[in-house]
Amino acid sequence: MSNRHTIILMQPSQNRATRTFMDYESISQAMDGICAIYERKIKNLNPVMRNITYDIQDLYNYIDGLADMSALVYDHSIQAYLPNDREWIRTKMFQHLKKLAR
């Protein structure tokens, strides 16, 4: 997951006003960013919990539970951003976490 600027677009609820984006210097950083957003949500829902644990399925459920999520990844060869859907994010997330677990 080389240095390819990545913009994550997300809409947590059906309310269009919840649309937001985050940008990262690489796909890997974007996957870390999504994990951080999920972890903040868990902390907000469980403020007295000291240690937060979750598995890949919990993370997938969070991603799938959002009204919308996609990624724009810069492709240097065409000098443009290519759109990627939620399934692509799930695949990249799995690859990223698998690499971290080694």
C-alpha atoms as a PDB file:
ATOM      1  CA  MET A   1       0.000   0.000   0.000  1.00  0.00           C
ATOM      2  CA  SER A   2       2.384   2.568  -1.304  1.00  0.00           C
ATOM      3  CA  ASN A   3       2.226   6.314  -0.828  1.00  0.00           C
ATOM      4  CA  ARG A   4      -0.992   6.992  -2.684  1.00  0.00           C
ATOM      5  CA  HIS A   5      -2.950   9.926  -1.341  1.00  0.00           C
ATOM      6  CA  THR A   6      -6.309   8.619  -0.145  1.00  0.00           C
ATOM      7  CA  ILE A   7      -9.512  10.463   0.675  1.00  0.00           C
ATOM      8  CA  ILE A   8     -12.117   8.617   2.727  1.00  0.00           C
ATOM      9  CA  LEU A   9     -15.668   9.843   2.154  1.00  0.00           C
ATOM     10  CA  MET A  10     -18.206   8.845   4.740  1.00  0.00           C
ATOM     11  CA  GLN A  11     -21.769   9.526   5.762  1.00  0.00           C
ATOM     12  CA  PRO A  12     -22.525   7.973   9.163  1.00  0.00           C
ATOM     13  CA  SER A  13     -26.321   8.406   9.013  1.00  0.00           C
ATOM     14  CA  GLN A  14     -29.054   9.013   6.463  1.00  0.00           C
ATOM     15  CA  ASN A  15     -28.852  12.727   7.292  1.00  0.00           C
ATOM     16  CA  ARG A  16     -26.889  14.311   4.429  1.00  0.00           C
ATOM     17  CA  ALA A  17     -25.477  16.860   6.872  1.00  0.00           C
ATOM     18  CA  THR A  18     -23.335  14.071   8.397  1.00  0.00           C
ATOM     19  CA  ARG A  19     -21.247  13.751   5.231  1.00  0.00           C
ATOM     20  CA  THR A  20     -17.553  14.241   5.865  1.00  0.00           C
ATOM     21  CA  PHE A  21     -14.147  13.342   4.517  1.00  0.00           C
ATOM     22  CA  MET A  22     -10.651  12.631   5.803  1.00  0.00           C
ATOM     23  CA  ASP A  23      -7.503  12.632   3.743  1.00  0.00           C
ATOM     24  CA  TYR A  24      -4.357  10.581   4.280  1.00  0.00           C
ATOM     25  CA  GLU A  25      -0.953  10.303   2.663  1.00  0.00           C
ATOM     26  CA  SER A  26      -1.345   6.565   2.007  1.00  0.00           C
ATOM     27  CA  ILE A  27      -3.895   3.755   1.869  1.00  0.00           C
ATOM     28  CA  SER A  28      -2.322   2.291   5.000  1.00  0.00           C
ATOM     29  CA  GLN A  29      -2.786   5.546   6.925  1.00  0.00           C
ATOM     30  CA  ALA A  30      -6.386   5.682   5.712  1.00  0.00           C
ATOM     31  CA  MET A  31      -7.044   2.197   7.108  1.00  0.00           C
ATOM     32  CA  ASP A  32      -5.498   3.285  10.439  1.00  0.00           C
ATOM     33  CA  GLY A  33      -7.739   6.367  10.320  1.00  0.00           C
ATOM     34  CA  ILE A  34     -10.884   4.282   9.857  1.00  0.00           C
ATOM     35  CA  CYS A  35      -9.849   2.098  12.815  1.00  0.00           C
ATOM     36  CA  ALA A  36      -9.299   5.244  14.922  1.00  0.00           C
ATOM     37  CA  ILE A  37     -12.763   6.567  14.031  1.00  0.00           C
ATOM     38  CA  TYR A  38     -14.305   3.230  15.013  1.00  0.00           C
ATOM     39  CA  GLU A  39     -12.334   3.148  18.270  1.00  0.00           C
ATOM     40  CA  ARG A  40     -13.516   6.675  19.146  1.00  0.00           C
ATOM     41  CA  LYS A  41     -17.102   5.563  18.536  1.00  0.00           C
ATOM     42  CA  ILE A  42     -16.640   2.579  20.869  1.00  0.00           C
ATOM     43  CA  LYS A  43     -15.111   4.859  23.543  1.00  0.00           C
ATOM     44  CA  ASN A  44     -18.005   7.304  23.238  1.00  0.00           C
ATOM     45  CA  LEU A  45     -20.535   4.492  23.610  1.00  0.00           C
ATOM     46  CA  ASN A  46     -18.629   2.924  26.540  1.00  0.00           C
ATOM     47  CA  PRO A  47     -16.885   5.781  28.383  1.00  0.00           C
ATOM     48  CA  VAL A  48     -15.958   3.675  31.447  1.00  0.00           C
ATOM     49  CA  MET A  49     -14.330   0.891  29.413  1.00  0.00           C
ATOM     50  CA  ARG A  50     -10.570   0.931  29.952  1.00  0.00           C
ATOM     51  CA  ASN A  51      -9.483  -1.477  27.227  1.00  0.00           C
ATOM     52  CA  ILE A  52     -11.138  -1.601  23.865  1.00  0.00           C
ATOM     53  CA  THR A  53     -11.051  -4.815  21.893  1.00  0.00           C
ATOM     54  CA  TYR A  54     -12.721  -5.710  18.644  1.00  0.00           C
ATOM     55  CA  ASP A  55     -12.243  -8.059  15.748  1.00  0.00           C
ATOM     56  CA  ILE A  56     -12.366  -7.624  11.996  1.00  0.00           C
ATOM     57  CA  GLN A  57     -16.055  -8.590  11.893  1.00  0.00           C
ATOM     58  CA  ASP A  58     -16.911  -5.788  14.354  1.00  0.00           C
ATOM     59  CA  LEU A  59     -15.054  -3.351  12.112  1.00  0.00           C
ATOM     60  CA  TYR A  60     -16.835  -4.695   9.014  1.00  0.00           C
ATOM     61  CA  ASN A  61     -20.188  -4.302  10.784  1.00  0.00           C
ATOM     62  CA  TYR A  62     -19.322  -0.681  11.559  1.00  0.00           C
ATOM     63  CA  ILE A  63     -18.313   0.016   7.943  1.00  0.00           C
ATOM     64  CA  ASP A  64     -21.440  -1.709   6.616  1.00  0.00           C
ATOM     65  CA  GLY A  65     -23.639   0.156   9.121  1.00  0.00           C
ATOM     66  CA  LEU A  66     -22.661   3.565   7.775  1.00  0.00           C
ATOM     67  CA  ALA A  67     -25.060   5.181   5.337  1.00  0.00           C
ATOM     68  CA  ASP A  68     -22.156   5.506   2.882  1.00  0.00           C
ATOM     69  CA  MET A  69     -18.393   5.054   2.730  1.00  0.00           C
ATOM     70  CA  SER A  70     -15.985   5.148  -0.177  1.00  0.00           C
ATOM     71  CA  ALA A  71     -12.374   5.979  -0.935  1.00  0.00           C
ATOM     72  CA  LEU A  72     -10.704   8.079  -3.589  1.00  0.00           C
ATOM     73  CA  VAL A  73      -7.132   6.941  -4.243  1.00  0.00           C
ATOM     74  CA  TYR A  74      -4.713   8.989  -6.297  1.00  0.00           C
ATOM     75  CA  ASP A  75      -3.273   7.172  -9.311  1.00  0.00           C
ATOM     76  CA  HIS A  76      -0.015   8.798 -10.392  1.00  0.00           C
ATOM     77  CA  SER A  77      -0.129   7.180 -13.846  1.00  0.00           C
ATOM     78  CA  ILE A  78      -3.296   9.042 -14.847  1.00  0.00           C
ATOM     79  CA  GLN A  79      -2.919  11.934 -12.391  1.00  0.00           C
ATOM     80  CA  ALA A  80      -6.434  11.485 -11.070  1.00  0.00           C
ATOM     81  CA  TYR A  81      -8.328   9.960  -8.161  1.00  0.00           C
ATOM     82  CA  LEU A  82      -9.959   6.579  -8.679  1.00  0.00           C
ATOM     83  CA  PRO A  83     -13.122   5.793  -6.725  1.00  0.00           C
ATOM     84  CA  ASN A  84     -13.348   2.643  -4.594  1.00  0.00           C
ATOM     85  CA  ASP A  85     -16.393   1.223  -2.861  1.00  0.00           C
ATOM     86  CA  ARG A  86     -17.043  -0.168   0.595  1.00  0.00           C
ATOM     87  CA  GLU A  87     -16.032  -3.693  -0.462  1.00  0.00           C
ATOM     88  CA  TRP A  88     -12.626  -2.378  -1.590  1.00  0.00           C
ATOM     89  CA  ILE A  89     -12.213  -0.699   1.810  1.00  0.00           C
ATOM     90  CA  ARG A  90     -13.052  -3.972   3.562  1.00  0.00           C
ATOM     91  CA  THR A  91     -10.486  -5.852   1.453  1.00  0.00           C
ATOM     92  CA  LYS A  92      -7.764  -3.243   2.067  1.00  0.00           C
ATOM     93  CA  MET A  93      -8.613  -3.217   5.771  1.00  0.00           C
ATOM     94  CA  PHE A  94      -8.179  -6.988   5.984  1.00  0.00           C
ATOM     95  CA  GLN A  95      -4.841  -6.828   4.139  1.00  0.00           C
ATOM     96  CA  HIS A  96      -3.682  -3.967   6.359  1.00  0.00           C
ATOM     97  CA  LEU A  97      -4.603  -5.638   9.652  1.00  0.00           C
ATOM     98  CA  LYS A  98      -3.157  -8.966   8.491  1.00  0.00           C
ATOM     99  CA  LYS A  99       0.142  -7.205   7.738  1.00  0.00           C
ATOM    100  CA  LEU A 100       0.136  -5.537  11.188  1.00  0.00           C
ATOM    101  CA  ALA A 101      -0.510  -8.893  12.904  1.00  0.00           C
ATOM    102  CA  ARG A 102       2.688 -10.461  11.514  1.00  0.00           C
END
